[in-house]
Amino acid sequence: MSLDNEPIYTGGCQCGAVRFRVEGALGDASICHCRMCQKAFGNFYAPLVSVRDAQFRWTRGEPKRFRSSNHVLRGFCGECGTPLTFEAPENSIAGIALAIGAFDHPEEIAPQIQWGIEARLPYVDGLHELPGHDTMEDVPAAGYLATLVSYQHPDHDTDQWPPKDASR
């Protein structure tokens, strides 16, 4: 928490080249099913949260941007490709929204509404009914998984990334 008890959120891309900090209350958290968001995230939908009324800044690097429409820019890491932003004009209802999965603690940001439901993929509502397994239950992949070394940026700010002693 900051000195005035405003919440603080941090996050960034997978490789650590781009990091951000948000001080203050987040806006509406949502998922958007529209085809443009599906393509921007390479996923079934885009989970986003507005930072319109908070203090937001980039703390390391800055995303590259793609103009996905006449009104919207999509920010992403130019090094690893992580989707990061939905940027609409400040006078619009949206302003800047950040990808919920890019936050260091995405579990703290639960979507409250869905948009673009006319493009919702027909199987999305049933995903929770699929069988679930822990990663290490994949017996054929267990040897591979046991030796896996992640080069992903950790879920907290670092003074430097990658570490000087990293052997990649």
Protein backbone atom coordinates (compact mmCIF):
# COMPACT_ATOMS: atom_id res chain seq x y z
CA MET A 1 0.00 0.00 0.00
CA SER A 2 1.10 3.55 -0.61
CA LEU A 3 1.37 6.15 2.15
CA ASP A 4 -2.20 7.35 1.59
CA ASN A 5 -3.56 3.76 1.68
CA GLU A 6 -4.12 3.67 -2.07
CA PRO A 7 -3.62 0.19 -3.50
CA ILE A 8 -0.51 -0.43 -5.60
CA TYR A 9 -0.36 -2.92 -8.44
CA THR A 10 2.64 -3.94 -10.54
CA GLY A 11 3.08 -6.14 -13.55
CA GLY A 12 4.71 -6.56 -16.91
CA CYS A 13 5.47 -8.83 -19.79
CA GLN A 14 6.82 -12.35 -19.75
CA CYS A 15 10.43 -11.43 -20.54
CA GLY A 16 10.65 -8.42 -18.19
CA ALA A 17 11.49 -5.84 -20.87
CA VAL A 18 8.29 -3.91 -20.05
CA ARG A 19 7.02 -3.29 -16.50
CA PHE A 20 4.27 -1.06 -15.10
CA ARG A 21 2.96 0.34 -11.82
CA VAL A 22 -0.59 1.42 -10.95
CA GLU A 23 -1.32 3.44 -7.82
CA GLY A 24 -4.96 3.81 -6.86
CA ALA A 25 -8.18 1.96 -7.43
CA LEU A 26 -8.57 0.00 -10.62
CA GLY A 27 -11.66 0.50 -12.76
CA ASP A 28 -13.95 -2.09 -14.20
CA ALA A 29 -12.45 -5.51 -14.84
CA SER A 30 -13.97 -7.33 -17.78
CA ILE A 31 -13.49 -9.90 -20.45
CA CYS A 32 -14.15 -9.06 -24.07
CA HIS A 33 -15.16 -11.74 -26.54
CA CYS A 34 -15.07 -9.56 -29.68
CA ARG A 35 -13.07 -10.94 -32.60
CA MET A 36 -10.61 -8.05 -32.43
CA CYS A 37 -9.76 -8.87 -28.79
CA GLN A 38 -9.56 -12.60 -29.57
CA LYS A 39 -6.94 -11.90 -32.23
CA ALA A 40 -5.05 -9.32 -30.13
CA PHE A 41 -4.65 -11.83 -27.30
CA GLY A 42 -4.45 -14.96 -29.45
CA ASN A 43 -7.03 -16.38 -27.10
CA PHE A 44 -10.72 -17.06 -26.50
CA TYR A 45 -11.22 -13.57 -25.01
CA ALA A 46 -9.30 -10.63 -23.56
CA PRO A 47 -9.32 -10.08 -19.78
CA LEU A 48 -8.79 -6.34 -19.19
CA VAL A 49 -9.00 -3.82 -16.35
CA SER A 50 -9.26 -0.05 -16.69
CA VAL A 51 -6.63 2.16 -15.06
CA ARG A 52 -8.51 5.33 -15.99
CA ASP A 53 -8.83 6.80 -12.46
CA ALA A 54 -5.49 5.59 -11.10
CA GLN A 55 -1.92 6.80 -11.50
CA PHE A 56 -0.34 4.59 -14.14
CA ARG A 57 3.23 4.58 -15.44
CA TRP A 58 5.70 2.38 -17.26
CA THR A 59 8.63 1.54 -14.95
CA ARG A 60 10.78 -0.36 -17.46
CA GLY A 61 10.56 -0.02 -21.19
CA GLU A 62 7.35 0.71 -23.02
CA PRO A 63 5.18 -1.43 -25.26
CA LYS A 64 5.11 -1.34 -29.02
CA ARG A 65 1.69 -0.53 -30.34
CA PHE A 66 -0.55 -1.71 -33.15
CA ARG A 67 -3.53 0.35 -34.32
CA SER A 68 -6.24 -2.32 -34.41
CA SER A 69 -8.99 0.15 -35.37
CA ASN A 70 -9.54 3.83 -35.97
CA HIS A 71 -10.07 4.27 -32.20
CA VAL A 72 -7.84 1.72 -30.48
CA LEU A 73 -4.14 0.98 -30.03
CA ARG A 74 -3.03 -2.40 -28.70
CA GLY A 75 0.20 -2.42 -26.68
CA PHE A 76 2.45 -5.46 -26.51
CA CYS A 77 6.04 -6.27 -25.61
CA GLY A 78 8.23 -5.92 -28.69
CA GLU A 79 10.63 -8.55 -27.32
CA CYS A 80 8.36 -11.42 -26.20
CA GLY A 81 4.96 -10.44 -27.63
CA THR A 82 2.99 -10.38 -24.38
CA PRO A 83 -0.30 -8.47 -24.88
CA LEU A 84 -0.37 -5.54 -22.45
CA THR A 85 -2.83 -2.76 -23.29
CA PHE A 86 -6.06 -1.66 -24.87
CA GLU A 87 -5.73 2.09 -25.43
CA ALA A 88 -8.74 4.16 -26.45
CA PRO A 89 -8.98 7.96 -26.51
CA GLU A 90 -9.09 9.53 -23.04
CA ASN A 91 -12.51 11.03 -23.76
CA SER A 92 -13.95 7.58 -24.41
CA ILE A 93 -15.44 5.32 -21.78
CA ALA A 94 -12.42 2.98 -21.87
CA GLY A 95 -9.23 5.04 -21.73
CA ILE A 96 -6.33 2.69 -21.00
CA ALA A 97 -6.97 -0.88 -19.89
CA LEU A 98 -4.28 -3.39 -18.97
CA ALA A 99 -4.25 -7.14 -19.52
CA ILE A 100 -5.22 -8.76 -16.23
CA GLY A 101 -2.81 -11.66 -16.81
CA ALA A 102 0.11 -9.21 -17.03
CA PHE A 103 -0.33 -8.12 -13.40
CA ASP A 104 1.96 -9.70 -10.82
CA HIS A 105 -1.12 -10.83 -8.86
CA PRO A 106 -3.91 -11.38 -11.39
CA GLU A 107 -5.86 -13.36 -8.81
CA GLU A 108 -6.70 -10.01 -7.14
CA ILE A 109 -8.55 -8.73 -10.23
CA ALA A 110 -11.76 -10.61 -10.93
CA PRO A 111 -13.73 -9.71 -14.07
CA GLN A 112 -17.17 -8.32 -13.33
CA ILE A 113 -18.70 -8.11 -16.81
CA GLN A 114 -18.40 -9.56 -20.33
CA TRP A 115 -18.42 -7.57 -23.57
CA GLY A 116 -18.69 -8.61 -27.20
CA ILE A 117 -20.74 -11.67 -26.32
CA GLU A 118 -22.04 -11.88 -29.89
CA ALA A 119 -18.58 -13.28 -30.81
CA ARG A 120 -18.19 -15.52 -27.74
CA LEU A 121 -16.90 -18.89 -28.88
CA PRO A 122 -19.57 -21.57 -28.37
CA TYR A 123 -17.45 -23.77 -26.06
CA VAL A 124 -16.18 -21.07 -23.66
CA ASP A 125 -19.05 -21.39 -21.20
CA GLY A 126 -18.31 -25.11 -20.75
CA LEU A 127 -14.55 -24.88 -20.14
CA HIS A 128 -14.97 -25.25 -16.37
CA GLU A 129 -16.56 -28.66 -16.98
CA LEU A 130 -13.45 -30.11 -18.64
CA PRO A 131 -11.41 -32.55 -16.56
CA GLY A 132 -8.61 -30.82 -14.65
CA HIS A 133 -5.16 -32.16 -13.81
CA ASP A 134 -2.04 -30.89 -12.05
CA THR A 135 0.87 -30.25 -14.41
CA MET A 136 3.00 -33.10 -13.04
CA GLU A 137 0.19 -35.62 -13.66
CA ASP A 138 1.25 -35.60 -17.32
CA VAL A 139 3.35 -38.75 -16.89
CA PRO A 140 4.81 -38.83 -20.44
CA ALA A 141 6.05 -35.25 -19.96
CA ALA A 142 7.21 -35.62 -16.34
CA GLY A 143 10.93 -35.91 -17.19
CA TYR A 144 10.76 -32.84 -19.41
CA LEU A 145 8.77 -30.89 -16.83
CA ALA A 146 11.08 -31.85 -13.94
CA THR A 147 14.06 -30.34 -15.75
CA LEU A 148 12.28 -27.22 -17.04
CA VAL A 149 14.03 -23.94 -16.13
CA SER A 150 11.90 -20.81 -16.49
CA TYR A 151 13.46 -17.67 -17.94
CA GLN A 152 10.24 -15.77 -17.35
CA HIS A 153 10.43 -12.56 -15.32
CA PRO A 154 9.28 -13.17 -11.72
CA ASP A 155 6.00 -11.72 -10.46
CA HIS A 156 7.61 -8.76 -8.70
CA ASP A 157 9.73 -5.76 -9.62
CA THR A 158 13.45 -6.31 -10.08
CA ASP A 159 16.26 -3.76 -10.24
CA GLN A 160 17.65 -5.45 -13.32
CA TRP A 161 16.44 -8.08 -15.74
CA PRO A 162 17.72 -10.44 -16.87
CA PRO A 163 20.06 -11.11 -13.97
CA LYS A 164 23.75 -10.56 -14.74
CA ASP A 165 24.54 -14.19 -13.94
CA ALA A 166 21.80 -15.64 -16.14
CA SER A 167 23.03 -18.30 -18.54
CA ARG A 168 20.52 -18.27 -21.35
